[in-house]
Amino acid sequence: MPVQPRSVEERLPMLEGQMQHLRDLPERVTNLESQFVQLRQEIRDGFSAIRSEMKERFVELSAQMRMLHEDAITRIATTGEGRRPKKR
């Protein structure tokens, strides 16, 4: 079925509505831009917090590993004390 051409009186309100949507675009784009900037800052802050926490845990883990290593060395040295050297 062919589309009937519309009169100027019918097309004018449609065009005005479309123009209003276009007039709102710059404000909407600005709002989106500010939301992206905010999201980017939140993500950056989140990653920074994660990095800080990982660094703290790494320092704690390193201290525990050092303590266990020193304990193992002490135990190895202690188990060797009081034994006679093997004769060959």
PDB file of N, CA and C in Angstrom:
ATOM      1  N   MET A   1       0.837  -1.167   0.000  1.00  0.00           N
ATOM      2  CA  MET A   1       0.000   0.000   0.000  1.00  0.00           C
ATOM      3  C   MET A   1       0.892   1.243   0.000  1.00  0.00           C
ATOM      4  N   PRO A   2       0.747   2.132  -0.924  1.00  0.00           N
ATOM      5  CA  PRO A   2       1.607   3.312  -0.983  1.00  0.00           C
ATOM      6  C   PRO A   2       1.298   4.287   0.158  1.00  0.00           C
ATOM      7  N   VAL A   3       2.339   4.964   0.615  1.00  0.00           N
ATOM      8  CA  VAL A   3       2.203   5.943   1.697  1.00  0.00           C
ATOM      9  C   VAL A   3       1.660   7.236   1.109  1.00  0.00           C
ATOM     10  N   GLN A   4       0.648   7.753   1.739  1.00  0.00           N
ATOM     11  CA  GLN A   4       0.043   9.002   1.271  1.00  0.00           C
ATOM     12  C   GLN A   4       0.893  10.183   1.737  1.00  0.00           C
ATOM     13  N   PRO A   5       1.156  11.122   0.859  1.00  0.00           N
ATOM     14  CA  PRO A   5       1.900  12.302   1.292  1.00  0.00           C
ATOM     15  C   PRO A   5       1.095  13.072   2.342  1.00  0.00           C
ATOM     16  N   ARG A   6       1.814  13.619   3.296  1.00  0.00           N
ATOM     17  CA  ARG A   6       1.156  14.357   4.382  1.00  0.00           C
ATOM     18  C   ARG A   6       1.234  15.852   4.096  1.00  0.00           C
ATOM     19  N   SER A   7       0.289  16.525   4.634  1.00  0.00           N
ATOM     20  CA  SER A   7       0.260  17.981   4.441  1.00  0.00           C
ATOM     21  C   SER A   7       1.274  18.640   5.366  1.00  0.00           C
ATOM     22  N   VAL A   8       1.555  19.885   5.108  1.00  0.00           N
ATOM     23  CA  VAL A   8       2.476  20.657   5.939  1.00  0.00           C
ATOM     24  C   VAL A   8       1.937  20.749   7.359  1.00  0.00           C
ATOM     25  N   GLU A   9       0.637  20.892   7.498  1.00  0.00           N
ATOM     26  CA  GLU A   9       0.030  20.982   8.831  1.00  0.00           C
ATOM     27  C   GLU A   9       0.238  19.693   9.634  1.00  0.00           C
ATOM     28  N   GLU A  10       0.285  18.555   8.969  1.00  0.00           N
ATOM     29  CA  GLU A  10       0.519  17.277   9.654  1.00  0.00           C
ATOM     30  C   GLU A  10       1.995  17.063   9.943  1.00  0.00           C
ATOM     31  N   ARG A  11       2.833  17.509   9.018  1.00  0.00           N
ATOM     32  CA  ARG A  11       4.276  17.279   9.172  1.00  0.00           C
ATOM     33  C   ARG A  11       4.923  18.234  10.172  1.00  0.00           C
ATOM     34  N   LEU A  12       4.396  19.454  10.286  1.00  0.00           N
ATOM     35  CA  LEU A  12       5.015  20.460  11.145  1.00  0.00           C
ATOM     36  C   LEU A  12       5.101  20.008  12.603  1.00  0.00           C
ATOM     37  N   PRO A  13       4.033  19.504  13.244  1.00  0.00           N
ATOM     38  CA  PRO A  13       4.166  19.051  14.639  1.00  0.00           C
ATOM     39  C   PRO A  13       5.175  17.908  14.792  1.00  0.00           C
ATOM     40  N   MET A  14       5.246  17.012  13.817  1.00  0.00           N
ATOM     41  CA  MET A  14       6.216  15.911  13.880  1.00  0.00           C
ATOM     42  C   MET A  14       7.637  16.471  13.825  1.00  0.00           C
ATOM     43  N   LEU A  15       7.869  17.404  12.931  1.00  0.00           N
ATOM     44  CA  LEU A  15       9.198  18.006  12.809  1.00  0.00           C
ATOM     45  C   LEU A  15       9.573  18.787  14.062  1.00  0.00           C
ATOM     46  N   GLU A  16       8.605  19.489  14.650  1.00  0.00           N
ATOM     47  CA  GLU A  16       8.879  20.222  15.886  1.00  0.00           C
ATOM     48  C   GLU A  16       9.274  19.261  17.006  1.00  0.00           C
ATOM     49  N   GLY A  17       8.598  18.132  17.092  1.00  0.00           N
ATOM     50  CA  GLY A  17       8.948  17.132  18.106  1.00  0.00           C
ATOM     51  C   GLY A  17      10.345  16.573  17.888  1.00  0.00           C
ATOM     52  N   GLN A  18      10.672  16.291  16.640  1.00  0.00           N
ATOM     53  CA  GLN A  18      12.012  15.788  16.329  1.00  0.00           C
ATOM     54  C   GLN A  18      13.075  16.837  16.644  1.00  0.00           C
ATOM     55  N   MET A  19      12.783  18.096  16.360  1.00  0.00           N
ATOM     56  CA  MET A  19      13.742  19.167  16.642  1.00  0.00           C
ATOM     57  C   MET A  19      13.957  19.322  18.145  1.00  0.00           C
ATOM     58  N   GLN A  20      12.874  19.141  18.918  1.00  0.00           N
ATOM     59  CA  GLN A  20      13.024  19.240  20.375  1.00  0.00           C
ATOM     60  C   GLN A  20      13.970  18.159  20.881  1.00  0.00           C
ATOM     61  N   HIS A  21      13.857  16.948  20.341  1.00  0.00           N
ATOM     62  CA  HIS A  21      14.782  15.871  20.718  1.00  0.00           C
ATOM     63  C   HIS A  21      16.215  16.249  20.365  1.00  0.00           C
ATOM     64  N   LEU A  22      16.394  16.853  19.210  1.00  0.00           N
ATOM     65  CA  LEU A  22      17.740  17.261  18.791  1.00  0.00           C
ATOM     66  C   LEU A  22      18.278  18.387  19.675  1.00  0.00           C
ATOM     67  N   ARG A  23      17.397  19.293  20.116  1.00  0.00           N
ATOM     68  CA  ARG A  23      17.842  20.387  20.996  1.00  0.00           C
ATOM     69  C   ARG A  23      18.312  19.838  22.344  1.00  0.00           C
ATOM     70  N   ASP A  24      17.723  18.738  22.782  1.00  0.00           N
ATOM     71  CA  ASP A  24      18.082  18.141  24.069  1.00  0.00           C
ATOM     72  C   ASP A  24      19.392  17.352  24.002  1.00  0.00           C
ATOM     73  N   LEU A  25      19.854  17.026  22.817  1.00  0.00           N
ATOM     74  CA  LEU A  25      21.040  16.176  22.682  1.00  0.00           C
ATOM     75  C   LEU A  25      22.289  16.737  23.344  1.00  0.00           C
ATOM     76  N   PRO A  26      22.659  18.011  23.153  1.00  0.00           N
ATOM     77  CA  PRO A  26      23.895  18.497  23.797  1.00  0.00           C
ATOM     78  C   PRO A  26      23.876  18.323  25.317  1.00  0.00           C
ATOM     79  N   GLU A  27      22.731  18.606  25.946  1.00  0.00           N
ATOM     80  CA  GLU A  27      22.639  18.439  27.398  1.00  0.00           C
ATOM     81  C   GLU A  27      22.764  16.972  27.790  1.00  0.00           C
ATOM     82  N   ARG A  28      22.124  16.103  27.026  1.00  0.00           N
ATOM     83  CA  ARG A  28      22.201  14.676  27.313  1.00  0.00           C
ATOM     84  C   ARG A  28      23.621  14.157  27.144  1.00  0.00           C
ATOM     85  N   VAL A  29      24.317  14.633  26.106  1.00  0.00           N
ATOM     86  CA  VAL A  29      25.705  14.211  25.881  1.00  0.00           C
ATOM     87  C   VAL A  29      26.596  14.712  27.018  1.00  0.00           C
ATOM     88  N   THR A  30      26.357  15.943  27.466  1.00  0.00           N
ATOM     89  CA  THR A  30      27.124  16.490  28.589  1.00  0.00           C
ATOM     90  C   THR A  30      26.887  15.667  29.851  1.00  0.00           C
ATOM     91  N   ASN A  31      25.642  15.279  30.093  1.00  0.00           N
ATOM     92  CA  ASN A  31      25.336  14.437  31.256  1.00  0.00           C
ATOM     93  C   ASN A  31      26.049  13.093  31.163  1.00  0.00           C
ATOM     94  N   LEU A  32      26.041  12.498  29.975  1.00  0.00           N
ATOM     95  CA  LEU A  32      26.738  11.226  29.787  1.00  0.00           C
ATOM     96  C   LEU A  32      28.234  11.388  30.013  1.00  0.00           C
ATOM     97  N   GLU A  33      28.777  12.480  29.522  1.00  0.00           N
ATOM     98  CA  GLU A  33      30.210  12.722  29.693  1.00  0.00           C
ATOM     99  C   GLU A  33      30.572  12.812  31.174  1.00  0.00           C
ATOM    100  N   SER A  34      29.763  13.533  31.939  1.00  0.00           N
ATOM    101  CA  SER A  34      30.064  13.652  33.368  1.00  0.00           C
ATOM    102  C   SER A  34      29.916  12.295  34.073  1.00  0.00           C
ATOM    103  N   GLN A  35      28.962  11.474  33.623  1.00  0.00           N
ATOM    104  CA  GLN A  35      28.815  10.144  34.217  1.00  0.00           C
ATOM    105  C   GLN A  35      30.018   9.270  33.895  1.00  0.00           C
ATOM    106  N   PHE A  36      30.541   9.385  32.675  1.00  0.00           N
ATOM    107  CA  PHE A  36      31.748   8.627  32.318  1.00  0.00           C
ATOM    108  C   PHE A  36      32.941   9.071  33.150  1.00  0.00           C
ATOM    109  N   VAL A  37      33.083  10.369  33.343  1.00  0.00           N
ATOM    110  CA  VAL A  37      34.199  10.883  34.148  1.00  0.00           C
ATOM    111  C   VAL A  37      34.085  10.365  35.577  1.00  0.00           C
ATOM    112  N   GLN A  38      32.873  10.391  36.124  1.00  0.00           N
ATOM    113  CA  GLN A  38      32.661   9.894  37.483  1.00  0.00           C
ATOM    114  C   GLN A  38      32.961   8.400  37.569  1.00  0.00           C
ATOM    115  N   LEU A  39      32.487   7.625  36.603  1.00  0.00           N
ATOM    116  CA  LEU A  39      32.737   6.181  36.584  1.00  0.00           C
ATOM    117  C   LEU A  39      34.224   5.893  36.488  1.00  0.00           C
ATOM    118  N   ARG A  40      34.915   6.635  35.632  1.00  0.00           N
ATOM    119  CA  ARG A  40      36.356   6.428  35.474  1.00  0.00           C
ATOM    120  C   ARG A  40      37.088   6.704  36.792  1.00  0.00           C
ATOM    121  N   GLN A  41      36.674   7.757  37.506  1.00  0.00           N
ATOM    122  CA  GLN A  41      37.306   8.070  38.795  1.00  0.00           C
ATOM    123  C   GLN A  41      37.012   6.978  39.821  1.00  0.00           C
ATOM    124  N   GLU A  42      35.777   6.475  39.836  1.00  0.00           N
ATOM    125  CA  GLU A  42      35.434   5.409  40.777  1.00  0.00           C
ATOM    126  C   GLU A  42      36.244   4.153  40.489  1.00  0.00           C
ATOM    127  N   ILE A  43      36.412   3.820  39.224  1.00  0.00           N
ATOM    128  CA  ILE A  43      37.207   2.642  38.859  1.00  0.00           C
ATOM    129  C   ILE A  43      38.661   2.847  39.256  1.00  0.00           C
ATOM    130  N   ARG A  44      39.192   4.036  38.980  1.00  0.00           N
ATOM    131  CA  ARG A  44      40.580   4.336  39.346  1.00  0.00           C
ATOM    132  C   ARG A  44      40.777   4.220  40.857  1.00  0.00           C
ATOM    133  N   ASP A  45      39.831   4.766  41.630  1.00  0.00           N
ATOM    134  CA  ASP A  45      39.918   4.679  43.092  1.00  0.00           C
ATOM    135  C   ASP A  45      39.845   3.228  43.563  1.00  0.00           C
ATOM    136  N   GLY A  46      38.970   2.447  42.922  1.00  0.00           N
ATOM    137  CA  GLY A  46      38.837   1.040  43.297  1.00  0.00           C
ATOM    138  C   GLY A  46      40.112   0.258  43.047  1.00  0.00           C
ATOM    139  N   PHE A  47      40.719   0.472  41.879  1.00  0.00           N
ATOM    140  CA  PHE A  47      41.968  -0.224  41.576  1.00  0.00           C
ATOM    141  C   PHE A  47      43.093   0.225  42.498  1.00  0.00           C
ATOM    142  N   SER A  48      43.103   1.500  42.834  1.00  0.00           N
ATOM    143  CA  SER A  48      44.127   2.005  43.747  1.00  0.00           C
ATOM    144  C   SER A  48      43.988   1.339  45.116  1.00  0.00           C
ATOM    145  N   ALA A  49      42.760   1.198  45.584  1.00  0.00           N
ATOM    146  CA  ALA A  49      42.522   0.544  46.875  1.00  0.00           C
ATOM    147  C   ALA A  49      42.952  -0.917  46.821  1.00  0.00           C
ATOM    148  N   ILE A  50      42.662  -1.585  45.722  1.00  0.00           N
ATOM    149  CA  ILE A  50      43.057  -2.994  45.573  1.00  0.00           C
ATOM    150  C   ILE A  50      44.575  -3.115  45.568  1.00  0.00           C
ATOM    151  N   ARG A  51      45.247  -2.224  44.839  1.00  0.00           N
ATOM    152  CA  ARG A  51      46.717  -2.264  44.802  1.00  0.00           C
ATOM    153  C   ARG A  51      47.303  -2.050  46.193  1.00  0.00           C
ATOM    154  N   SER A  52      46.751  -1.101  46.938  1.00  0.00           N
ATOM    155  CA  SER A  52      47.245  -0.837  48.294  1.00  0.00           C
ATOM    156  C   SER A  52      47.061  -2.054  49.190  1.00  0.00           C
ATOM    157  N   GLU A  53      45.888  -2.670  49.100  1.00  0.00           N
ATOM    158  CA  GLU A  53      45.622  -3.849  49.922  1.00  0.00           C
ATOM    159  C   GLU A  53      46.552  -5.001  49.542  1.00  0.00           C
ATOM    160  N   MET A  54      46.777  -5.189  48.255  1.00  0.00           N
ATOM    161  CA  MET A  54      47.677  -6.262  47.814  1.00  0.00           C
ATOM    162  C   MET A  54      49.095  -6.007  48.301  1.00  0.00           C
ATOM    163  N   LYS A  55      49.524  -4.751  48.265  1.00  0.00           N
ATOM    164  CA  LYS A  55      50.871  -4.419  48.737  1.00  0.00           C
ATOM    165  C   LYS A  55      50.998  -4.718  50.231  1.00  0.00           C
ATOM    166  N   GLU A  56      49.976  -4.342  51.006  1.00  0.00           N
ATOM    167  CA  GLU A  56      50.007  -4.627  52.449  1.00  0.00           C
ATOM    168  C   GLU A  56      50.084  -6.133  52.696  1.00  0.00           C
ATOM    169  N   ARG A  57      49.274  -6.882  51.996  1.00  0.00           N
ATOM    170  CA  ARG A  57      49.278  -8.342  52.192  1.00  0.00           C
ATOM    171  C   ARG A  57      50.587  -8.968  51.745  1.00  0.00           C
ATOM    172  N   PHE A  58      51.192  -8.418  50.695  1.00  0.00           N
ATOM    173  CA  PHE A  58      52.482  -8.926  50.247  1.00  0.00           C
ATOM    174  C   PHE A  58      53.547  -8.684  51.309  1.00  0.00           C
ATOM    175  N   VAL A  59      53.517  -7.515  51.923  1.00  0.00           N
ATOM    176  CA  VAL A  59      54.484  -7.210  52.985  1.00  0.00           C
ATOM    177  C   VAL A  59      54.278  -8.172  54.162  1.00  0.00           C
ATOM    178  N   GLU A  60      53.014  -8.391  54.538  1.00  0.00           N
ATOM    179  CA  GLU A  60      52.722  -9.323  55.631  1.00  0.00           C
ATOM    180  C   GLU A  60      53.188 -10.732  55.285  1.00  0.00           C
ATOM    181  N   LEU A  61      52.892 -11.173  54.070  1.00  0.00           N
ATOM    182  CA  LEU A  61      53.283 -12.512  53.639  1.00  0.00           C
ATOM    183  C   LEU A  61      54.800 -12.656  53.610  1.00  0.00           C
ATOM    184  N   SER A  62      55.490 -11.623  53.146  1.00  0.00           N
ATOM    185  CA  SER A  62      56.958 -11.663  53.110  1.00  0.00           C
ATOM    186  C   SER A  62      57.523 -11.806  54.519  1.00  0.00           C
ATOM    187  N   ALA A  63      56.938 -11.083  55.482  1.00  0.00           N
ATOM    188  CA  ALA A  63      57.402 -11.181  56.869  1.00  0.00           C
ATOM    189  C   ALA A  63      57.165 -12.589  57.420  1.00  0.00           C
ATOM    190  N   GLN A  64      56.002 -13.166  57.112  1.00  0.00           N
ATOM    191  CA  GLN A  64      55.718 -14.525  57.575  1.00  0.00           C
ATOM    192  C   GLN A  64      56.672 -15.536  56.941  1.00  0.00           C
ATOM    193  N   MET A  65      56.934 -15.372  55.655  1.00  0.00           N
ATOM    194  CA  MET A  65      57.848 -16.289  54.968  1.00  0.00           C
ATOM    195  C   MET A  65      59.262 -16.171  55.553  1.00  0.00           C
ATOM    196  N   ARG A  66      59.687 -14.950  55.833  1.00  0.00           N
ATOM    197  CA  ARG A  66      61.009 -14.737  56.421  1.00  0.00           C
ATOM    198  C   ARG A  66      61.092 -15.415  57.784  1.00  0.00           C
ATOM    199  N   MET A  67      60.038 -15.264  58.590  1.00  0.00           N
ATOM    200  CA  MET A  67      60.014 -15.871  59.918  1.00  0.00           C
ATOM    201  C   MET A  67      60.050 -17.397  59.803  1.00  0.00           C
ATOM    202  N   LEU A  68      59.270 -17.975  58.895  1.00  0.00           N
ATOM    203  CA  LEU A  68      59.275 -19.423  58.717  1.00  0.00           C
ATOM    204  C   LEU A  68      60.632 -19.923  58.224  1.00  0.00           C
ATOM    205  N   HIS A  69      61.252 -19.161  57.344  1.00  0.00           N
ATOM    206  CA  HIS A  69      62.570 -19.545  56.838  1.00  0.00           C
ATOM    207  C   HIS A  69      63.592 -19.554  57.978  1.00  0.00           C
ATOM    208  N   GLU A  70      63.574 -18.480  58.781  1.00  0.00           N
ATOM    209  CA  GLU A  70      64.519 -18.420  59.902  1.00  0.00           C
ATOM    210  C   GLU A  70      64.253 -19.546  60.897  1.00  0.00           C
ATOM    211  N   ASP A  71      62.981 -19.859  61.127  1.00  0.00           N
ATOM    212  CA  ASP A  71      62.620 -20.957  62.022  1.00  0.00           C
ATOM    213  C   ASP A  71      63.133 -22.295  61.465  1.00  0.00           C
ATOM    214  N   ALA A  72      62.968 -22.494  60.161  1.00  0.00           N
ATOM    215  CA  ALA A  72      63.442 -23.735  59.545  1.00  0.00           C
ATOM    216  C   ALA A  72      64.958 -23.852  59.653  1.00  0.00           C
ATOM    217  N   ILE A  73      65.661 -22.773  59.405  1.00  0.00           N
ATOM    218  CA  ILE A  73      67.133 -22.783  59.515  1.00  0.00           C
ATOM    219  C   ILE A  73      67.545 -23.097  60.948  1.00  0.00           C
ATOM    220  N   THR A  74      66.865 -22.495  61.918  1.00  0.00           N
ATOM    221  CA  THR A  74      67.180 -22.761  63.326  1.00  0.00           C
ATOM    222  C   THR A  74      66.929 -24.227  63.660  1.00  0.00           C
ATOM    223  N   ARG A  75      65.830 -24.788  63.204  1.00  0.00           N
ATOM    224  CA  ARG A  75      65.529 -26.193  63.473  1.00  0.00           C
ATOM    225  C   ARG A  75      66.557 -27.119  62.822  1.00  0.00           C
ATOM    226  N   ILE A  76      66.940 -26.790  61.619  1.00  0.00           N
ATOM    227  CA  ILE A  76      67.952 -27.612  60.939  1.00  0.00           C
ATOM    228  C   ILE A  76      69.257 -27.573  61.717  1.00  0.00           C
ATOM    229  N   ALA A  77      69.640 -26.383  62.161  1.00  0.00           N
ATOM    230  CA  ALA A  77      70.884 -26.252  62.931  1.00  0.00           C
ATOM    231  C   ALA A  77      70.771 -26.984  64.267  1.00  0.00           C
ATOM    232  N   THR A  78      69.608 -26.904  64.895  1.00  0.00           N
ATOM    233  CA  THR A  78      69.405 -27.550  66.198  1.00  0.00           C
ATOM    234  C   THR A  78      69.429 -29.063  66.075  1.00  0.00           C
ATOM    235  N   THR A  79      68.845 -29.605  65.039  1.00  0.00           N
ATOM    236  CA  THR A  79      68.818 -31.056  64.886  1.00  0.00           C
ATOM    237  C   THR A  79      70.207 -31.609  64.635  1.00  0.00           C
ATOM    238  N   GLY A  80      71.085 -30.806  64.127  1.00  0.00           N
ATOM    239  CA  GLY A  80      72.455 -31.258  63.866  1.00  0.00           C
ATOM    240  C   GLY A  80      73.345 -31.189  65.087  1.00  0.00           C
ATOM    241  N   GLU A  81      72.941 -30.447  66.112  1.00  0.00           N
ATOM    242  CA  GLU A  81      73.760 -30.323  67.318  1.00  0.00           C
ATOM    243  C   GLU A  81      73.722 -31.611  68.120  1.00  0.00           C
ATOM    244  N   GLY A  82      74.805 -31.937  68.779  1.00  0.00           N
ATOM    245  CA  GLY A  82      74.873 -33.113  69.627  1.00  0.00           C
ATOM    246  C   GLY A  82      75.119 -34.393  68.868  1.00  0.00           C
ATOM    247  N   ARG A  83      75.175 -34.367  67.626  1.00  0.00           N
ATOM    248  CA  ARG A  83      75.478 -35.564  66.850  1.00  0.00           C
ATOM    249  C   ARG A  83      76.969 -35.618  66.600  1.00  0.00           C
ATOM    250  N   ARG A  84      77.427 -36.807  66.582  1.00  0.00           N
ATOM    251  CA  ARG A  84      78.834 -36.975  66.265  1.00  0.00           C
ATOM    252  C   ARG A  84      79.004 -36.953  64.747  1.00  0.00           C
ATOM    253  N   PRO A  85      80.024 -36.357  64.311  1.00  0.00           N
ATOM    254  CA  PRO A  85      80.275 -36.411  62.853  1.00  0.00           C
ATOM    255  C   PRO A  85      80.531 -37.841  62.441  1.00  0.00           C
ATOM    256  N   LYS A  86      80.072 -38.244  61.303  1.00  0.00           N
ATOM    257  CA  LYS A  86      80.281 -39.607  60.792  1.00  0.00           C
ATOM    258  C   LYS A  86      81.743 -39.775  60.408  1.00  0.00           C
ATOM    259  N   LYS A  87      82.253 -40.935  60.766  1.00  0.00           N
ATOM    260  CA  LYS A  87      83.632 -41.238  60.384  1.00  0.00           C
ATOM    261  C   LYS A  87      83.609 -41.877  59.011  1.00  0.00           C
ATOM    262  N   ARG A  88      84.585 -41.582  58.266  1.00  0.00           N
ATOM    263  CA  ARG A  88      84.664 -42.162  56.937  1.00  0.00           C
ATOM    264  C   ARG A  88      85.779 -43.161  56.859  1.00  0.00           C
TER     265      ARG A  88
END
